Amino acid sequence: VNVPFAIILQPHEELKGLLKDYEGSDVMGEVVRQVGCKMGGKPVYRVLAVTGPDFPGEDSVVPIGEYVLEESSCLVTSGWGDRHLFFQQQQFEGELEWKPEWREKAGDEQ
């Protein structure tokens, strides 16, 4: 089974530049309104995979894709997402069933 040890969402430079104007802002809704529509049709994040628990070291970070907004899309805030959208996480021991070679690499960090 080929699974990443971790996924990293790295903001694209254009998004980071737009967000720089809002550093320290505690009003996320305003940031989304001001920045969200400027990214339509553009990549928002690079999606990276960490190949194993020995990073940095033997394992590396590999680009696996981009998160691109549709041309006519704008980012929006969502109360529904805040209350109902959850991602299931698995304990590391379950991951080791798929990739037992990670046990030795992870050492005491698990």
Foldseek 3Di string as FASTA:
>chain_A
DQDFPDKDWAFDPVLVVLCVVVPPPPDVQVSQVVRFLVQAQHFGTFIWGWRAQPPPPPIDIHTDGTDGHHNRDGDGDDPCCVPPPDDDDDDVVVVCVVVVVRDVVCDPVD
